[in-house]
Protein backbone atom coordinates (compact mmCIF):
# COMPACT_ATOMS: atom_id res chain seq x y z
CA MET A 1 158.61 129.70 85.35
CA PRO A 2 158.79 127.44 82.27
CA HIS A 3 155.79 125.42 81.19
CA LYS A 4 155.39 122.38 83.35
CA ARG A 5 154.96 120.38 80.15
CA ASP A 6 158.60 121.11 79.40
CA TRP A 7 159.52 119.48 82.68
CA TRP A 8 157.08 116.59 83.22
CA SER A 9 155.19 116.58 79.97
CA ALA A 10 151.89 114.89 80.67
CA ASN A 11 152.43 115.23 84.42
CA SER A 12 151.38 111.66 84.90
CA VAL A 13 153.02 108.50 86.13
CA GLY A 14 151.07 105.40 85.27
CA GLU A 15 147.58 106.16 86.43
CA GLN A 16 148.69 108.83 88.90
CA THR A 17 148.41 112.42 87.73
CA LEU A 18 150.03 115.37 89.45
CA THR A 19 147.76 118.33 89.96
CA ARG A 20 148.74 121.73 88.62
CA ARG A 21 149.72 122.83 92.15
CA GLU A 22 151.76 119.66 92.71
CA LEU A 23 153.61 120.39 89.47
CA GLU A 24 154.32 123.93 90.66
CA VAL A 25 155.62 122.65 93.99
CA ALA A 26 157.76 119.99 92.31
CA TRP A 27 159.20 122.48 89.85
CA LEU A 28 160.10 124.98 92.59
CA VAL A 29 161.71 122.20 94.63
CA SER A 30 163.73 121.23 91.56
CA GLN A 31 164.98 124.82 91.43
CA GLY A 32 166.43 124.42 94.90
CA LEU A 33 163.81 126.18 97.00
CA ALA A 34 163.19 124.98 100.53
CA ASN A 35 159.63 124.47 101.74
CA GLN A 36 159.51 128.00 103.12
CA GLY A 37 160.62 129.44 99.77
CA VAL A 38 158.08 127.35 97.87
CA ALA A 39 155.35 128.53 100.23
CA GLY A 40 156.36 132.16 99.72
CA GLN A 41 156.42 131.83 95.93
CA LEU A 42 152.98 130.22 95.82
CA GLY A 43 151.34 132.22 98.59
CA ILE A 44 150.54 129.15 100.67
CA ARG A 45 151.56 127.89 104.11
CA GLU A 46 154.65 125.76 104.63
CA GLY A 47 152.45 122.97 106.02
CA THR A 48 150.52 122.95 102.75
CA VAL A 49 153.79 122.55 100.84
CA LYS A 50 154.60 119.52 103.00
CA ILE A 51 151.23 117.99 102.20
CA HIS A 52 151.77 118.55 98.47
CA LEU A 53 155.24 117.00 98.70
CA HIS A 54 153.86 113.97 100.52
CA ASN A 55 151.31 113.48 97.73
CA ILE A 56 153.95 114.00 95.02
CA TYR A 57 156.29 111.46 96.62
CA ARG A 58 153.48 108.92 96.86
CA LYS A 59 152.37 109.42 93.26
CA LEU A 60 155.90 109.31 91.83
CA ARG A 61 156.99 106.52 94.18
CA VAL A 62 159.96 108.50 95.48
CA SER A 63 160.96 109.09 99.08
CA ASN A 64 162.79 112.41 99.09
CA ARG A 65 163.60 115.63 97.22
CA THR A 66 166.66 114.18 95.53
CA GLU A 67 164.72 111.28 94.05
CA LEU A 68 161.97 113.70 93.00
CA ILE A 69 164.44 115.87 91.10
CA LEU A 70 166.23 112.89 89.55
CA SER A 71 162.91 111.44 88.39
CA ALA A 72 162.44 114.51 86.21
CA ILE A 73 165.78 114.28 84.40
CA PRO A 74 165.12 112.89 80.92
CA ASN A 75 166.99 109.85 79.63
CA ARG A 76 169.22 109.46 82.64
CA ARG A 77 169.81 106.78 85.17
CA LYS A 78 171.17 107.67 88.56
CA LYS A 79 172.15 105.52 91.49
CA ILE A 80 171.65 106.20 95.15
CA HIS A 81 173.27 103.73 97.53
CA GLY A 82 173.78 101.31 94.64
CA PHE A 83 170.15 101.23 93.53
CA PRO A 84 169.27 102.63 90.10
CA LEU A 85 166.69 105.37 89.93
CA ILE A 86 164.90 105.47 86.64
CA ARG A 87 162.84 108.32 85.30
CA LEU A 88 159.22 107.84 86.30
CA GLY A 89 157.13 109.54 83.71
CA ASN A 90 157.15 110.87 80.22
CA VAL A 91 159.33 113.83 79.56
CA GLY A 92 158.67 116.10 76.63
């Protein structure tokens, strides 16, 4: 697994900071793992993954996995249903 700093550098968005575990969950989700796969990789329960994802979505102001992944892409703008999604955080 690459350094989380290479993905979301300071792991913060405004005043919200992702915990180390939230970064791990977010990174594994970005690699295409489902909740069950994330849980298996981290040795935690699937319900715990869901809690982490809820907290990540709240902190990053996103509402789903797609927006989470797009928020980590540096220097890109994406649109979903006509609304621009801009990167939320500093990337490396």
